[in-house]
Protein backbone atom coordinates (compact mmCIF):
# COMPACT_ATOMS: atom_id res chain seq x y z
CA MET A 1 0.00 0.00 0.00
CA LYS A 2 1.33 3.41 -0.95
CA ARG A 3 1.62 5.93 1.85
CA GLN A 4 2.00 9.68 1.33
CA VAL A 5 4.49 9.91 4.19
CA TYR A 6 6.93 8.10 1.89
CA SER A 7 7.61 11.34 -0.01
CA GLN A 8 8.42 13.08 3.29
CA LEU A 9 10.90 10.33 4.14
CA LEU A 10 12.49 10.68 0.72
CA ALA A 11 12.80 14.45 1.16
CA TRP A 12 14.47 13.81 4.53
CA LYS A 13 16.96 11.41 2.96
CA ASN A 14 17.91 13.92 0.27
CA ASP A 15 18.12 16.97 2.54
CA LYS A 16 21.72 18.18 2.82
CA ASP A 17 20.89 19.49 6.31
CA ARG A 18 19.32 16.19 7.34
CA LYS A 19 19.30 15.34 11.06
CA PRO A 20 18.39 12.10 12.83
CA LEU A 21 14.67 11.50 12.36
CA ILE A 22 11.86 10.80 14.80
CA LEU A 23 8.81 9.23 13.14
CA ASP A 24 5.91 9.88 15.49
CA GLY A 25 2.34 8.60 15.37
CA ALA A 26 -0.26 6.56 17.19
CA ARG A 27 0.14 2.83 17.58
CA GLN A 28 -0.63 0.69 14.53
CA VAL A 29 -0.66 3.45 11.92
CA GLY A 30 2.07 1.62 9.97
CA LYS A 31 5.32 3.24 11.16
CA THR A 32 7.40 0.05 11.20
CA TRP A 33 6.14 -1.13 7.81
CA ILE A 34 6.79 2.16 6.03
CA LEU A 35 10.30 2.49 7.47
CA LYS A 36 11.26 -1.02 6.38
CA GLU A 37 9.72 -0.43 2.95
CA PHE A 38 11.55 2.89 2.63
CA GLY A 39 14.84 1.27 3.65
CA ARG A 40 14.46 -1.59 1.19
CA ASN A 41 13.71 0.74 -1.71
CA GLU A 42 16.07 3.65 -1.05
CA TYR A 43 19.16 2.16 0.65
CA LYS A 44 21.69 -0.57 0.03
CA ASN A 45 20.75 -2.25 3.30
CA VAL A 46 18.74 -1.74 6.50
CA ALA A 47 19.99 -2.16 10.07
CA TYR A 48 16.70 -2.76 11.89
CA ILE A 49 16.58 -3.18 15.66
CA ASN A 50 13.46 -3.67 17.76
CA CYS A 51 14.59 -2.28 21.11
CA ASP A 52 11.80 -4.17 22.88
CA ASP A 53 13.27 -7.49 21.73
CA SER A 54 16.93 -6.54 22.21
CA PRO A 55 17.93 -6.38 25.90
CA GLU A 56 21.46 -5.60 24.76
CA MET A 57 20.28 -2.13 23.75
CA LEU A 58 19.85 -1.04 27.37
CA LEU A 59 23.45 -1.95 28.10
CA LEU A 60 24.68 -0.45 24.83
CA PHE A 61 23.59 3.08 25.79
CA SER A 62 25.92 3.32 28.78
CA ASP A 63 27.30 6.49 27.16
CA TYR A 64 26.95 8.44 23.93
CA ASP A 65 30.08 7.38 22.05
CA THR A 66 28.64 7.27 18.53
CA LYS A 67 31.40 5.07 17.09
CA ARG A 68 30.83 2.46 19.80
CA LEU A 69 27.05 2.72 19.38
CA LEU A 70 27.35 2.18 15.62
CA ARG A 71 29.45 -0.94 16.20
CA GLY A 72 26.76 -2.15 18.58
CA PHE A 73 23.97 -1.48 16.08
CA SER A 74 25.89 -3.40 13.44
CA SER A 75 26.45 -6.35 15.75
CA ILE A 76 22.84 -6.55 17.00
CA SER A 77 21.29 -6.16 13.52
CA ASP A 78 23.93 -8.31 11.81
CA GLU A 79 24.28 -5.65 9.12
CA GLU A 80 27.32 -3.72 7.94
CA ILE A 81 26.59 -0.03 8.46
CA GLN A 82 27.90 2.43 5.88
CA PRO A 83 27.25 6.19 5.90
CA GLY A 84 24.63 7.19 3.36
CA GLU A 85 24.06 3.59 2.24
CA THR A 86 22.49 2.04 5.34
CA LEU A 87 19.24 3.08 6.98
CA ILE A 88 19.44 2.53 10.74
CA ILE A 89 15.98 1.93 12.24
CA LEU A 90 15.62 1.86 16.02
CA ASP A 91 12.06 0.73 16.63
CA GLU A 92 10.23 0.80 19.99
CA ILE A 93 12.85 3.33 21.10
CA GLN A 94 10.78 4.14 24.20
CA SER A 95 12.25 0.97 25.75
CA VAL A 96 15.67 2.64 25.81
CA PRO A 97 15.44 5.98 27.70
CA ARG A 98 18.86 7.13 26.48
CA GLY A 99 18.09 6.30 22.87
CA ILE A 100 16.31 9.56 22.09
CA THR A 101 19.03 11.59 23.82
CA SER A 102 21.71 9.87 21.72
CA LEU A 103 20.28 11.48 18.58
CA LYS A 104 21.86 14.76 19.67
CA TYR A 105 25.29 13.19 19.45
CA PHE A 106 24.60 11.52 16.13
CA CYS A 107 23.55 14.93 14.81
CA GLU A 108 26.71 16.62 16.09
CA ASN A 109 29.31 13.87 15.60
CA ALA A 110 28.04 11.38 13.01
CA ASN A 111 25.47 13.11 10.82
CA GLU A 112 26.66 11.23 7.75
CA TYR A 113 24.76 8.22 9.10
CA HIS A 114 21.05 7.95 8.33
CA ILE A 115 19.22 7.06 11.53
CA VAL A 116 15.50 7.06 12.31
CA VAL A 117 13.64 6.10 15.48
CA ALA A 118 9.99 5.19 16.10
CA GLY A 119 7.96 3.63 18.86
CA SER A 120 4.64 3.05 20.58
CA LEU A 121 3.28 5.96 22.60
CA LEU A 122 6.43 7.81 21.64
CA GLY A 123 4.52 11.09 21.52
CA VAL A 124 3.74 10.82 25.23
CA ARG A 125 7.39 10.31 26.12
CA LEU A 126 8.66 12.97 23.72
CA ARG A 127 6.35 15.67 24.97
CA THR A 128 7.06 14.74 28.57
CA LYS A 129 10.76 15.14 27.92
CA LYS A 130 10.25 18.42 26.09
CA SER A 131 8.36 19.82 29.05
CA GLN A 132 11.11 18.78 31.47
CA ASN A 133 14.63 20.06 31.79
CA ASN A 134 16.54 18.99 28.70
CA ASN A 135 19.41 17.63 30.76
CA ASP A 136 18.06 15.38 33.51
CA GLU A 137 21.04 14.90 35.79
CA ASN A 138 19.61 11.76 37.40
CA THR A 139 19.01 9.77 34.22
CA GLY A 140 21.37 11.37 31.73
CA THR A 141 18.44 11.70 29.37
CA GLY A 142 16.78 14.66 27.72
CA PHE A 143 15.11 15.66 24.49
CA PRO A 144 17.60 16.72 21.78
CA VAL A 145 16.02 20.08 21.00
CA GLY A 146 17.10 21.39 17.60
CA LYS A 147 19.08 18.24 16.84
CA VAL A 148 16.39 16.08 15.22
CA ASP A 149 13.88 16.14 12.39
CA GLU A 150 10.34 15.00 13.13
CA ILE A 151 7.61 13.57 10.89
CA ASN A 152 4.11 12.79 12.08
CA MET A 153 2.35 9.76 10.60
CA TYR A 154 -1.40 9.26 10.59
CA PRO A 155 -3.86 6.55 9.53
CA MET A 156 -4.41 6.24 5.79
CA ASN A 157 -6.37 9.16 4.41
CA PHE A 158 -9.13 8.83 1.83
CA LEU A 159 -6.95 9.09 -1.28
CA GLU A 160 -4.53 6.52 0.12
CA PHE A 161 -7.52 4.25 0.69
CA VAL A 162 -8.81 4.87 -2.85
CA GLU A 163 -5.40 4.00 -4.29
CA ALA A 164 -5.21 0.85 -2.16
CA THR A 165 -8.54 -0.31 -3.65
CA GLY A 166 -6.92 -0.37 -7.09
CA ASN A 167 -8.16 3.02 -8.28
CA SER A 168 -4.75 4.61 -8.83
CA ILE A 169 -5.80 6.14 -12.17
CA LEU A 170 -8.73 7.83 -10.45
CA VAL A 171 -6.35 9.21 -7.82
CA ASP A 172 -4.10 10.55 -10.59
CA GLN A 173 -7.09 12.29 -12.16
CA ILE A 174 -8.04 13.86 -8.83
CA ARG A 175 -4.52 15.20 -8.49
CA GLU A 176 -4.80 16.91 -11.86
CA HIS A 177 -7.33 19.26 -10.17
CA ARG A 178 -9.85 19.39 -13.01
CA TRP A 179 -12.57 19.64 -10.42
CA GLU A 180 -15.62 19.97 -12.69
CA GLU A 181 -14.62 16.94 -14.79
CA LEU A 182 -14.57 14.73 -11.71
CA ALA A 183 -18.38 14.93 -11.53
CA THR A 184 -18.32 11.96 -13.93
CA PHE A 185 -16.93 9.79 -11.14
CA SER A 186 -19.21 11.10 -8.38
CA SER A 187 -21.09 7.82 -7.84
CA ARG A 188 -17.90 5.81 -7.70
CA LEU A 189 -16.19 8.21 -5.30
CA THR A 190 -19.28 8.37 -3.08
CA ASP A 191 -19.33 4.58 -2.87
CA LEU A 192 -15.63 4.54 -1.97
CA LEU A 193 -16.26 7.22 0.62
CA ARG A 194 -18.96 5.07 2.20
CA GLN A 195 -16.49 2.19 2.38
CA TYR A 196 -13.89 4.45 3.95
CA TYR A 197 -16.39 5.68 6.54
CA TYR A 198 -16.76 2.08 7.73
CA VAL A 199 -13.22 0.72 7.21
CA GLY A 200 -11.25 3.83 8.14
CA GLY A 201 -7.52 4.15 7.62
CA MET A 202 -5.77 1.77 10.03
CA PRO A 203 -3.48 -0.19 7.65
CA GLU A 204 -4.18 -3.63 9.12
CA VAL A 205 -7.91 -3.04 8.81
CA VAL A 206 -7.62 -1.78 5.21
CA LYS A 207 -5.44 -4.74 4.24
CA LYS A 208 -7.90 -7.27 5.67
CA TYR A 209 -10.83 -5.53 3.99
CA LEU A 210 -9.13 -5.55 0.58
CA GLU A 211 -8.08 -9.18 0.92
CA GLU A 212 -11.39 -10.63 2.12
CA GLU A 213 -14.07 -7.88 2.02
CA ASN A 214 -15.27 -9.41 5.27
CA LEU A 215 -16.99 -6.63 7.19
CA LYS A 216 -17.23 -8.66 10.38
CA GLN A 217 -13.46 -9.15 10.31
CA VAL A 218 -13.02 -5.40 9.74
CA ARG A 219 -15.00 -4.60 12.86
CA LYS A 220 -13.24 -7.37 14.82
CA ILE A 221 -9.81 -5.87 14.07
CA GLN A 222 -11.03 -2.36 14.88
CA GLN A 223 -12.35 -3.57 18.24
CA ARG A 224 -9.04 -5.30 18.92
CA ILE A 225 -7.13 -2.09 18.17
CA LEU A 226 -9.39 -0.20 20.56
CA SER A 227 -8.80 -2.91 23.16
CA ASP A 228 -5.02 -2.57 22.65
CA TYR A 229 -5.30 1.17 23.20
CA GLU A 230 -7.19 0.60 26.43
CA LYS A 231 -4.51 -1.86 27.57
CA ASP A 232 -1.96 0.88 26.90
CA PHE A 233 -3.91 3.10 29.27
CA SER A 234 -3.49 0.58 32.07
CA THR A 235 0.21 0.08 31.29
CA HIS A 236 1.44 3.59 30.52
CA VAL A 237 -0.91 6.13 32.12
CA PRO A 238 0.08 7.20 35.66
CA ASP A 239 -2.22 5.64 38.26
CA GLU A 240 -3.67 8.96 39.41
CA LEU A 241 -4.48 9.91 35.80
CA LEU A 242 -5.86 6.58 34.57
CA PRO A 243 -9.56 6.96 35.59
CA LYS A 244 -9.71 10.41 33.99
CA VAL A 245 -8.14 9.24 30.71
CA ILE A 246 -10.66 6.41 30.48
CA MET A 247 -13.57 8.76 31.20
CA VAL A 248 -12.49 11.27 28.54
CA TRP A 249 -11.89 8.48 26.01
CA ASN A 250 -15.32 6.96 26.60
CA SER A 251 -17.05 10.35 26.28
CA ILE A 252 -15.79 11.20 22.79
CA THR A 253 -18.61 9.54 20.83
CA SER A 254 -21.27 11.37 22.84
CA GLN A 255 -19.34 14.65 22.54
CA LEU A 256 -19.32 14.34 18.74
CA ALA A 257 -23.00 13.36 18.61
CA LYS A 258 -24.03 16.76 20.01
CA GLU A 259 -25.28 19.45 17.63
CA ASN A 260 -22.62 21.75 19.04
CA LYS A 261 -19.49 19.60 19.13
CA LYS A 262 -17.60 21.80 21.57
CA PHE A 263 -16.10 19.60 24.28
CA VAL A 264 -18.14 19.84 27.47
CA TYR A 265 -16.51 18.65 30.70
CA GLY A 266 -19.92 18.03 32.21
CA VAL A 267 -20.53 15.27 29.65
CA VAL A 268 -17.53 13.42 31.09
CA LYS A 269 -18.63 13.87 34.69
CA LYS A 270 -21.38 16.00 36.15
CA GLY A 271 -19.97 19.22 37.58
CA ALA A 272 -16.49 18.65 36.12
CA ARG A 273 -14.28 21.59 35.15
CA ALA A 274 -11.17 22.08 33.03
CA LYS A 275 -8.72 21.53 35.87
CA ASP A 276 -10.23 18.08 36.46
CA PHE A 277 -9.59 16.66 33.00
CA GLU A 278 -7.16 18.83 31.00
CA ASP A 279 -4.18 16.60 31.86
CA ALA A 280 -6.09 13.50 30.71
CA ILE A 281 -6.98 15.18 27.42
CA GLN A 282 -3.36 16.18 26.88
CA TRP A 283 -2.21 12.59 27.46
CA LEU A 284 -4.55 11.34 24.74
CA VAL A 285 -3.42 14.12 22.38
CA ASN A 286 0.24 13.28 23.02
CA ALA A 287 -0.46 9.60 22.38
CA GLY A 288 -1.83 10.52 18.94
CA LEU A 289 -5.23 9.00 19.73
CA ILE A 290 -7.23 12.22 19.54
CA HIS A 291 -6.95 15.59 17.82
CA LYS A 292 -7.75 18.85 19.58
CA VAL A 293 -9.21 21.69 17.49
CA VAL A 294 -9.17 24.99 19.39
CA ARG A 295 -11.64 27.86 18.96
CA VAL A 296 -10.61 31.30 17.78
CA ASN A 297 -12.59 34.36 18.84
CA LYS A 298 -11.87 36.30 15.65
CA VAL A 299 -11.76 35.22 11.99
CA GLN A 300 -8.65 37.10 11.02
CA ARG A 301 -5.05 36.19 10.31
CA PRO A 302 -2.89 35.23 12.02
CA LEU A 303 -5.41 32.86 13.56
CA LYS A 304 -3.03 31.86 16.31
CA PHE A 305 -3.31 35.34 17.79
CA TYR A 306 -6.98 34.72 18.48
CA GLU A 307 -6.85 31.24 20.05
CA ASP A 308 -9.26 30.62 22.91
CA MET A 309 -7.73 27.62 24.66
CA SER A 310 -10.75 27.21 26.94
CA ALA A 311 -12.98 26.03 24.08
CA PHE A 312 -12.20 23.15 21.73
CA LYS A 313 -13.47 20.08 19.90
CA LEU A 314 -11.97 16.60 20.16
CA PHE A 315 -11.81 14.13 17.27
CA LEU A 316 -10.48 10.58 17.10
CA SER A 317 -7.48 9.75 14.97
CA ASP A 318 -9.50 7.42 12.73
CA LEU A 319 -13.03 7.39 11.37
CA GLY A 320 -13.30 3.60 11.35
CA LEU A 321 -12.40 3.43 15.03
CA LEU A 322 -15.09 6.02 15.78
CA GLY A 323 -17.63 3.79 14.05
CA ALA A 324 -16.43 0.81 16.06
CA MET A 325 -16.68 2.76 19.32
CA ALA A 326 -20.22 3.87 18.42
CA ASP A 327 -21.13 0.35 17.25
CA VAL A 328 -22.44 1.62 13.91
CA THR A 329 -23.41 -1.27 11.64
CA ALA A 330 -22.10 -1.93 8.15
CA LYS A 331 -25.66 -1.78 6.81
CA GLU A 332 -26.12 1.76 8.14
CA VAL A 333 -22.90 2.97 6.55
CA LEU A 334 -22.84 1.13 3.24
CA THR A 335 -26.54 1.16 2.33
CA GLY A 336 -28.18 3.74 4.60
CA GLU A 337 -29.77 6.36 2.36
CA ASN A 338 -29.14 9.25 4.74
CA TYR A 339 -26.01 7.99 6.48
CA PHE A 340 -23.81 11.01 5.74
CA GLU A 341 -26.26 13.31 7.52
CA GLU A 342 -27.15 11.02 10.43
CA TYR A 343 -25.72 11.35 13.93
CA LYS A 344 -25.81 15.15 13.49
CA GLY A 345 -23.00 14.93 10.94
CA ALA A 346 -20.54 13.61 13.55
CA PHE A 347 -18.83 11.21 11.15
CA THR A 348 -18.61 13.76 8.37
CA GLU A 349 -17.02 16.40 10.58
CA GLN A 350 -14.66 13.71 11.92
CA PHE A 351 -13.78 12.80 8.31
CA ILE A 352 -12.90 16.38 7.36
CA ALA A 353 -10.89 16.92 10.54
CA GLN A 354 -8.67 13.87 10.06
CA GLU A 355 -8.30 14.50 6.33
CA LEU A 356 -6.98 18.04 6.82
CA ILE A 357 -4.83 17.11 9.82
CA SER A 358 -3.21 14.36 7.73
CA LEU A 359 -2.01 17.14 5.41
CA GLY A 360 -0.27 18.83 8.33
CA GLU A 361 -2.85 21.62 8.49
CA LYS A 362 -3.45 23.45 11.77
CA LEU A 363 -7.21 23.50 12.29
CA TYR A 364 -9.34 25.92 14.28
CA TYR A 365 -13.05 26.52 14.59
CA TYR A 366 -15.05 29.68 15.30
CA SER A 367 -18.18 30.35 17.30
CA LYS A 368 -19.69 33.55 18.58
CA GLU A 369 -20.89 33.88 22.16
CA ASN A 370 -24.67 34.23 22.56
CA SER A 371 -25.19 33.45 18.89
CA THR A 372 -25.85 30.47 16.65
CA LEU A 373 -23.08 31.64 14.32
CA GLU A 374 -20.43 28.95 14.03
CA LEU A 375 -17.82 27.86 11.50
CA ASP A 376 -16.90 24.18 11.64
CA PHE A 377 -13.24 24.75 10.76
CA LEU A 378 -10.76 27.43 9.71
CA VAL A 379 -7.52 26.90 7.80
CA GLN A 380 -4.90 29.57 7.20
CA LYS A 381 -3.08 29.34 3.86
CA ASP A 382 -2.53 32.30 1.51
CA ALA A 383 -5.68 33.64 3.16
CA VAL A 384 -8.04 32.45 5.87
CA TYR A 385 -10.43 29.77 4.60
CA PRO A 386 -13.61 29.51 6.70
CA ILE A 387 -15.07 26.00 6.27
CA GLU A 388 -18.58 24.67 6.67
CA VAL A 389 -19.10 20.91 6.60
CA LYS A 390 -22.43 19.68 5.28
CA ALA A 391 -23.31 15.99 5.50
CA LYS A 392 -25.85 16.26 2.69
CA GLU A 393 -26.60 18.18 -0.49
CA ASN A 394 -27.33 21.38 1.39
CA LEU A 395 -26.36 24.59 -0.36
CA ARG A 396 -27.39 26.99 2.39
CA SER A 397 -24.44 28.51 4.23
CA LYS A 398 -25.78 31.29 6.42
CA SER A 399 -22.75 31.41 8.72
CA LEU A 400 -20.30 31.55 5.82
CA LYS A 401 -22.22 34.38 4.17
CA THR A 402 -22.40 36.36 7.40
CA ILE A 403 -18.65 36.04 7.97
CA TYR A 404 -17.83 36.87 4.36
CA ASP A 405 -20.02 39.98 4.38
CA ASP A 406 -17.98 41.22 7.36
CA ASN A 407 -14.65 40.52 5.64
CA ASN A 408 -14.43 40.09 1.86
CA GLU A 409 -10.77 38.99 2.07
CA LEU A 410 -11.85 35.64 3.46
CA LYS A 411 -12.20 32.68 1.08
CA PRO A 412 -15.16 30.59 2.25
CA VAL A 413 -15.47 26.93 1.31
CA ARG A 414 -18.26 24.45 1.90
CA PHE A 415 -17.57 20.71 1.89
CA SER A 416 -20.77 18.80 1.10
CA MET A 417 -22.23 15.96 -0.94
CA SER A 418 -23.05 18.42 -3.74
CA GLY A 419 -20.89 18.73 -6.83
CA TYR A 420 -18.03 21.16 -7.31
CA LYS A 421 -19.20 24.73 -7.82
CA ASP A 422 -17.10 27.89 -7.81
CA GLN A 423 -19.38 30.76 -6.91
CA GLU A 424 -18.45 34.42 -6.74
CA TRP A 425 -17.95 34.48 -3.00
CA MET A 426 -17.43 30.82 -2.04
CA VAL A 427 -16.57 27.38 -3.40
CA ASN A 428 -18.53 24.17 -2.86
CA VAL A 429 -16.27 21.11 -2.86
CA PRO A 430 -17.50 17.49 -2.66
CA LEU A 431 -16.47 15.77 0.57
CA TYR A 432 -14.36 13.23 -1.28
CA LEU A 433 -12.22 16.01 -2.83
CA ALA A 434 -11.81 18.07 0.37
CA ALA A 435 -8.22 17.20 1.28
CA GLU A 436 -6.86 17.44 -2.25
CA TRP A 437 -8.63 20.77 -2.82
CA ILE A 438 -7.07 22.25 0.35
CA ASN A 439 -3.73 20.70 -0.61
CA SER A 440 -3.87 22.42 -4.00
CA ILE A 441 -3.81 25.87 -2.39
CA GLU A 442 -0.35 27.40 -2.31
């Protein structure tokens, strides 16, 4: 299966200012597979080490002598390591606390070697280290600020899914950006979108679906992934935080089912306030399991100036997992006449959020106090793009028009099940073209 992160890895390899790389992402999004595939295709050989299965690695990092470490990597992987010709992959690096810190020394003393690290729940550990002193005198560990490159990896997005289904020519046509011509393929793309709503983008799930088209097996794997995540909670979340993480996690489906999808602490626990659950939310964000979209109180660039951190929406990392958590049936998704607009558009807004985040976009939303005026998302590119998400063929966009009338420099866009239409003041883009349309903007 082709993954778009591959091009980012290739750019990293060819960058003359390349630094050791951290590939970050939630569990089971395909980090190990893509690194091995990248190494096989782009290097003479690969020195792969799973730190979880190599107890020698703990002993190896007794200091940060890069020459000695390289000899150790070569011995453990049974591969000759040559600068520029060998990709060194240190997987499950969280098992070796000094491993991340060592990247600083590889950057400074041995940058001719191509080294990349990945691991489960790595985001939690990385952000914990970043928030601490960068030179922990007790452990000799710290985050190598400014000495590493970082790439975030996500579940497969819609176009990756479409390509995996054997529709690579259709994907090529989408990337030519002849938007009006793509109306010819509307039925086909809508059917693929329905499939994606149910299957989602977890690589193991997609692979099983394409091999067997067994929807019960799809849901079984999704439930197992969710179970694995919950086991991670018990293993990795501090004891005092664990009940709160579980409560936030279990509230997400009901939060998204509300008409107003702003996160409400009282849905988690009656009478709860921010101070009760903000650390639990941050743990889930750091683990890559949820995305946090913050409100802005003004639709004007730079959007970051107008962040209101007290108000936000939470989305899961994967649409298929959301369906599994909500126990939505295959019949509802694949044959339900009004599925895209059911559940108050929760799945459609989730779809757009994860699609745009997979592009590396920073998302915001806007709402006005004491008013029904709300914009589902905002993206800042060459201009600010206010976004409304419609789960059906609905061409009314009162909020977009109100915002545009106040500021004609904005470039409103509506993502819906209607066809592509470039109007004078806004653009309607079909849901299945949303990510590529945003990606086409310079």
